[in-house]
N, C-alpha and C. Protein backbone atom coordinates (compact mmCIF):
# COMPACT_ATOMS: atom_id res chain seq x y z
N MET A 1 0.31 13.80 -6.78
CA MET A 1 -0.39 13.57 -7.96
C MET A 1 0.59 13.81 -8.97
N VAL A 2 1.10 14.90 -9.00
CA VAL A 2 1.93 15.73 -9.78
C VAL A 2 3.32 15.13 -10.06
N ALA A 3 3.64 14.54 -8.61
CA ALA A 3 5.13 13.99 -8.26
C ALA A 3 4.89 12.70 -8.90
N ILE A 4 3.89 11.78 -8.62
CA ILE A 4 3.90 10.44 -9.27
C ILE A 4 3.82 10.63 -10.62
N GLY A 5 3.17 11.88 -11.30
CA GLY A 5 3.40 11.56 -12.80
C GLY A 5 4.62 12.04 -13.19
N ARG A 6 5.40 13.00 -12.51
CA ARG A 6 6.74 13.21 -13.13
C ARG A 6 7.46 12.13 -12.73
N ALA A 7 7.41 11.33 -11.82
CA ALA A 7 8.30 9.92 -11.56
C ALA A 7 8.03 8.95 -13.02
N LEU A 8 6.67 8.66 -13.06
CA LEU A 8 6.00 7.92 -14.10
C LEU A 8 7.12 8.39 -15.45
N MET A 9 6.88 9.56 -15.89
CA MET A 9 7.58 10.05 -16.95
C MET A 9 9.08 9.73 -17.42
N SER A 10 9.86 9.11 -16.15
CA SER A 10 11.23 8.67 -16.64
C SER A 10 11.08 7.14 -16.55
N GLN A 11 9.99 6.47 -16.81
CA GLN A 11 9.75 5.02 -17.00
C GLN A 11 10.63 4.04 -15.97
N PRO A 12 10.23 4.43 -14.81
CA PRO A 12 10.85 3.55 -13.71
C PRO A 12 10.61 2.34 -13.80
N GLU A 13 11.53 1.39 -13.17
CA GLU A 13 11.41 -0.24 -12.86
C GLU A 13 10.43 -0.06 -11.49
N LEU A 14 10.99 0.69 -10.57
CA LEU A 14 10.46 0.52 -8.79
C LEU A 14 9.94 2.03 -8.85
N LEU A 15 8.63 2.18 -8.20
CA LEU A 15 8.17 3.55 -7.84
C LEU A 15 7.87 3.52 -6.37
N LEU A 16 8.40 4.57 -5.54
CA LEU A 16 8.40 4.47 -4.11
C LEU A 16 7.28 5.61 -3.87
N VAL A 17 6.15 5.12 -3.07
CA VAL A 17 5.26 6.28 -2.72
C VAL A 17 5.05 6.20 -1.30
N ASP A 18 4.97 7.49 -0.62
CA ASP A 18 4.77 7.75 0.77
C ASP A 18 3.46 8.29 0.80
N GLU A 19 2.61 7.54 1.64
CA GLU A 19 1.26 8.15 2.19
C GLU A 19 0.60 8.36 0.63
N LEU A 20 0.20 7.64 0.12
CA LEU A 20 -0.77 7.84 -1.06
C LEU A 20 -1.85 8.51 -0.91
N SER A 21 -2.66 8.26 -0.02
CA SER A 21 -3.80 8.99 0.60
C SER A 21 -3.73 10.10 1.05
N LEU A 22 -2.77 10.53 1.87
CA LEU A 22 -2.61 11.47 2.53
C LEU A 22 -3.00 13.09 2.20
N GLY A 23 -4.15 13.44 2.74
CA GLY A 23 -4.47 15.12 2.35
C GLY A 23 -5.36 15.01 1.02
N LEU A 24 -5.71 13.80 0.60
CA LEU A 24 -6.39 13.76 -0.80
C LEU A 24 -7.65 13.54 -0.49
N MET A 25 -8.94 14.12 -1.45
CA MET A 25 -10.14 14.12 -1.54
C MET A 25 -10.45 12.59 -1.75
N PRO A 26 -11.58 11.97 -0.95
CA PRO A 26 -11.73 10.47 -1.36
C PRO A 26 -12.08 9.87 -2.53
N LYS A 27 -12.55 11.06 -3.52
CA LYS A 27 -12.77 10.34 -5.12
C LYS A 27 -11.37 10.37 -5.70
N VAL A 28 -10.37 11.41 -5.18
CA VAL A 28 -8.94 11.45 -5.71
C VAL A 28 -8.44 10.16 -5.25
N ILE A 29 -8.39 9.64 -3.94
CA ILE A 29 -7.89 8.49 -3.36
C ILE A 29 -8.28 7.30 -4.08
N ASP A 30 -9.57 7.34 -4.66
CA ASP A 30 -10.12 5.93 -5.34
C ASP A 30 -9.05 5.98 -6.43
N THR A 31 -8.81 6.95 -7.21
CA THR A 31 -8.36 7.37 -8.61
C THR A 31 -6.74 6.86 -8.27
N CYS A 32 -6.00 7.19 -7.38
CA CYS A 32 -4.82 6.91 -7.08
C CYS A 32 -4.62 5.17 -6.73
N TYR A 33 -5.33 4.94 -5.95
CA TYR A 33 -5.35 3.41 -5.66
C TYR A 33 -5.84 2.36 -6.75
N ALA A 34 -6.29 3.03 -7.94
CA ALA A 34 -6.52 2.30 -9.18
C ALA A 34 -5.29 2.04 -9.91
N ALA A 35 -4.31 3.03 -9.77
CA ALA A 35 -2.96 3.13 -10.39
C ALA A 35 -2.07 1.96 -10.24
N PRO A 36 -1.86 1.33 -8.93
CA PRO A 36 -0.95 -0.04 -8.86
C PRO A 36 -1.31 -1.23 -9.57
N ASP A 37 -2.44 -1.53 -9.74
CA ASP A 37 -2.94 -2.64 -10.45
C ASP A 37 -2.54 -2.16 -11.98
N MET A 38 -2.41 -1.28 -12.54
CA MET A 38 -2.18 -0.51 -13.87
C MET A 38 -0.82 -0.63 -13.96
N LEU A 39 0.08 -0.14 -12.75
CA LEU A 39 1.66 -0.21 -13.05
C LEU A 39 2.24 -1.57 -12.93
N LYS A 40 1.62 -2.31 -12.26
CA LYS A 40 1.91 -3.68 -11.85
C LYS A 40 1.94 -4.43 -13.17
N ALA A 41 0.89 -4.20 -13.89
CA ALA A 41 0.56 -4.66 -15.57
C ALA A 41 1.67 -4.24 -16.34
N GLN A 42 2.04 -3.15 -16.05
CA GLN A 42 3.33 -2.66 -17.15
C GLN A 42 4.79 -3.18 -16.52
N GLY A 43 4.92 -4.07 -15.15
CA GLY A 43 5.94 -4.35 -14.94
C GLY A 43 6.65 -3.32 -13.85
N ILE A 44 5.90 -2.47 -13.39
CA ILE A 44 6.54 -1.52 -12.43
C ILE A 44 6.25 -2.21 -11.21
N ALA A 45 7.20 -1.97 -10.27
CA ALA A 45 7.17 -2.76 -8.88
C ALA A 45 6.89 -1.42 -7.77
N ILE A 46 5.88 -1.39 -7.16
CA ILE A 46 5.77 -0.36 -6.12
C ILE A 46 5.91 -0.75 -4.94
N ILE A 47 6.60 0.16 -4.19
CA ILE A 47 6.65 0.04 -2.37
C ILE A 47 5.73 1.53 -2.07
N VAL A 48 4.80 0.85 -1.54
CA VAL A 48 3.79 1.95 -0.94
C VAL A 48 4.02 2.05 0.89
N VAL A 49 4.48 3.18 1.49
CA VAL A 49 4.38 3.71 2.89
C VAL A 49 3.07 4.29 3.23
N GLU A 50 1.82 3.47 4.00
CA GLU A 50 0.50 3.95 3.98
C GLU A 50 -0.12 3.72 5.16
N GLN A 51 -0.74 4.74 5.76
CA GLN A 51 -1.41 4.72 7.15
C GLN A 51 -2.86 4.16 7.21
N SER A 52 -3.26 4.27 5.64
CA SER A 52 -4.91 3.68 5.53
C SER A 52 -4.63 2.08 4.85
N THR A 53 -4.55 1.23 6.25
CA THR A 53 -3.87 0.19 5.90
C THR A 53 -5.10 -0.63 5.19
N GLN A 54 -6.39 -0.29 5.59
CA GLN A 54 -7.39 -0.94 4.80
C GLN A 54 -7.13 -1.10 3.27
N ARG A 55 -6.87 0.10 2.85
CA ARG A 55 -6.54 0.45 1.48
C ARG A 55 -5.53 -0.25 0.94
N ALA A 56 -4.37 -0.14 1.70
CA ALA A 56 -3.06 -0.96 1.52
C ALA A 56 -3.32 -2.31 1.10
N LEU A 57 -4.25 -2.83 2.07
CA LEU A 57 -4.35 -4.31 1.77
C LEU A 57 -5.05 -4.71 0.54
N GLU A 58 -5.69 -4.03 0.31
CA GLU A 58 -6.87 -4.14 -1.04
C GLU A 58 -5.83 -4.48 -2.29
N VAL A 59 -4.71 -3.67 -2.67
CA VAL A 59 -3.91 -3.72 -3.34
C VAL A 59 -2.45 -4.34 -3.35
N ALA A 60 -2.27 -4.66 -2.30
CA ALA A 60 -0.84 -5.07 -2.02
C ALA A 60 -0.66 -6.77 -2.37
N ASP A 61 0.51 -6.85 -2.54
CA ASP A 61 0.69 -8.54 -2.67
C ASP A 61 1.70 -8.87 -1.61
N ASP A 62 2.39 -8.08 -0.89
CA ASP A 62 3.01 -8.49 -0.03
C ASP A 62 3.14 -7.16 1.03
N ILE A 63 2.92 -7.39 2.61
CA ILE A 63 3.07 -6.52 3.53
C ILE A 63 4.50 -6.70 4.76
N ILE A 64 4.69 -5.66 4.97
CA ILE A 64 5.78 -5.81 6.01
C ILE A 64 5.53 -4.57 6.87
N VAL A 65 5.26 -4.93 8.22
CA VAL A 65 5.01 -4.01 9.24
C VAL A 65 6.14 -3.89 9.95
N LEU A 66 6.71 -2.62 10.08
CA LEU A 66 8.04 -2.16 10.94
C LEU A 66 7.31 -1.52 12.18
N GLU A 67 8.07 -1.86 13.20
CA GLU A 67 7.87 -1.19 14.53
C GLU A 67 9.13 -0.96 15.00
N SER A 68 9.21 0.25 15.16
CA SER A 68 10.45 1.34 15.71
C SER A 68 11.60 0.84 14.76
N GLY A 69 11.24 0.97 13.59
CA GLY A 69 12.41 0.57 12.48
C GLY A 69 12.90 -0.87 12.40
N ARG A 70 12.22 -1.68 13.05
CA ARG A 70 12.33 -3.25 12.78
C ARG A 70 11.11 -3.97 12.10
N VAL A 71 11.46 -4.80 11.71
CA VAL A 71 10.34 -5.92 10.82
C VAL A 71 9.74 -6.28 12.23
N ALA A 72 8.49 -6.28 12.45
CA ALA A 72 7.73 -6.77 13.18
C ALA A 72 6.64 -7.93 12.79
N TRP A 73 6.23 -7.97 11.36
CA TRP A 73 5.68 -8.85 10.63
C TRP A 73 5.86 -8.55 9.30
N ALA A 74 5.84 -9.63 8.47
CA ALA A 74 5.99 -9.82 7.25
C ALA A 74 5.15 -10.89 6.51
N GLY A 75 4.73 -10.91 5.43
CA GLY A 75 4.17 -11.68 4.71
C GLY A 75 3.26 -11.58 3.47
N SER A 76 2.55 -12.30 2.80
CA SER A 76 1.56 -11.92 1.73
C SER A 76 0.24 -10.90 2.32
N ALA A 77 -0.13 -10.38 1.55
CA ALA A 77 -1.44 -9.41 2.02
C ALA A 77 -2.69 -10.47 2.32
N GLU A 78 -2.43 -11.41 1.53
CA GLU A 78 -3.76 -12.47 1.85
C GLU A 78 -3.57 -12.93 3.47
N ASP A 79 -2.17 -13.33 3.77
CA ASP A 79 -1.89 -13.80 5.08
C ASP A 79 -2.50 -12.69 6.02
N ALA A 80 -2.11 -11.28 5.54
CA ALA A 80 -2.29 -10.32 6.50
C ALA A 80 -3.75 -10.02 6.97
N ARG A 81 -4.53 -10.26 5.70
CA ARG A 81 -6.02 -10.30 5.65
C ARG A 81 -6.65 -11.26 6.88
N ASN A 82 -5.99 -12.45 6.64
CA ASN A 82 -6.32 -13.57 7.43
C ASN A 82 -5.84 -13.84 8.79
N THR A 83 -5.04 -13.05 9.04
CA THR A 83 -4.22 -13.18 10.44
C THR A 83 -4.64 -12.35 11.21
N GLY A 84 -5.66 -12.59 11.88
CA GLY A 84 -6.62 -11.33 12.97
C GLY A 84 -5.67 -10.74 14.07
N ASN A 85 -4.86 -11.52 14.54
CA ASN A 85 -4.04 -11.20 15.55
C ASN A 85 -2.84 -10.11 15.17
N MET A 86 -2.47 -10.10 14.08
CA MET A 86 -1.44 -9.63 13.27
C MET A 86 -2.10 -8.04 13.00
N ILE A 87 -3.41 -8.34 12.61
CA ILE A 87 -3.97 -7.15 12.02
C ILE A 87 -4.30 -6.36 13.61
N ASP A 88 -4.88 -7.01 14.46
CA ASP A 88 -5.32 -6.03 15.57
C ASP A 88 -3.85 -5.48 16.50
N ALA A 89 -3.02 -6.33 16.62
CA ALA A 89 -2.10 -5.92 17.14
C ALA A 89 -0.97 -4.74 16.32
N TYR A 90 -0.94 -4.77 15.23
CA TYR A 90 0.07 -3.71 14.41
C TYR A 90 -0.93 -2.89 13.72
N LEU A 91 -1.93 -3.30 12.92
CA LEU A 91 -2.55 -2.57 12.03
C LEU A 91 -3.83 -1.75 12.73
N GLY A 92 -4.48 -2.37 13.65
CA GLY A 92 -5.47 -1.90 14.40
C GLY A 92 -6.45 -1.69 13.60
N LEU A 93 -6.83 -2.79 12.84
CA LEU A 93 -8.16 -2.82 11.86
C LEU A 93 -8.95 -3.63 13.03
N THR A 94 -10.34 -3.64 12.71
CA THR A 94 -11.36 -4.55 13.19
C THR A 94 -11.75 -5.46 12.12
N ARG A 95 -11.61 -6.78 12.36
CA ARG A 95 -12.04 -7.87 11.30
C ARG A 95 -13.33 -8.07 11.32
N VAL A 96 -13.71 -8.29 9.99
CA VAL A 96 -15.06 -8.55 9.72
C VAL A 96 -15.18 -9.61 8.86
N ASP A 97 -15.58 -10.83 9.73
CA ASP A 97 -15.63 -12.11 8.83
C ASP A 97 -17.08 -12.43 8.32
């Protein structure tokens, strides 16, 4: 969280975040995941690498799935949420309709 705060002090146009939720308490994760919408409203683009795919799908506009360093799937977050095969194959999520 301190690293993100320091990065934001430089008024970036693009913020790269690796594992936003890794090692944080659930309450703190909720706070961190509230930030992308606020940052987008300020015109800051964000790239997030995240293992918690459900949380990433909640805040993302676009999703790119890499497999062995290659793009395995790319599309909008809405397409990712609506494409059961992609979610099952690459993200390991169980769809709830």
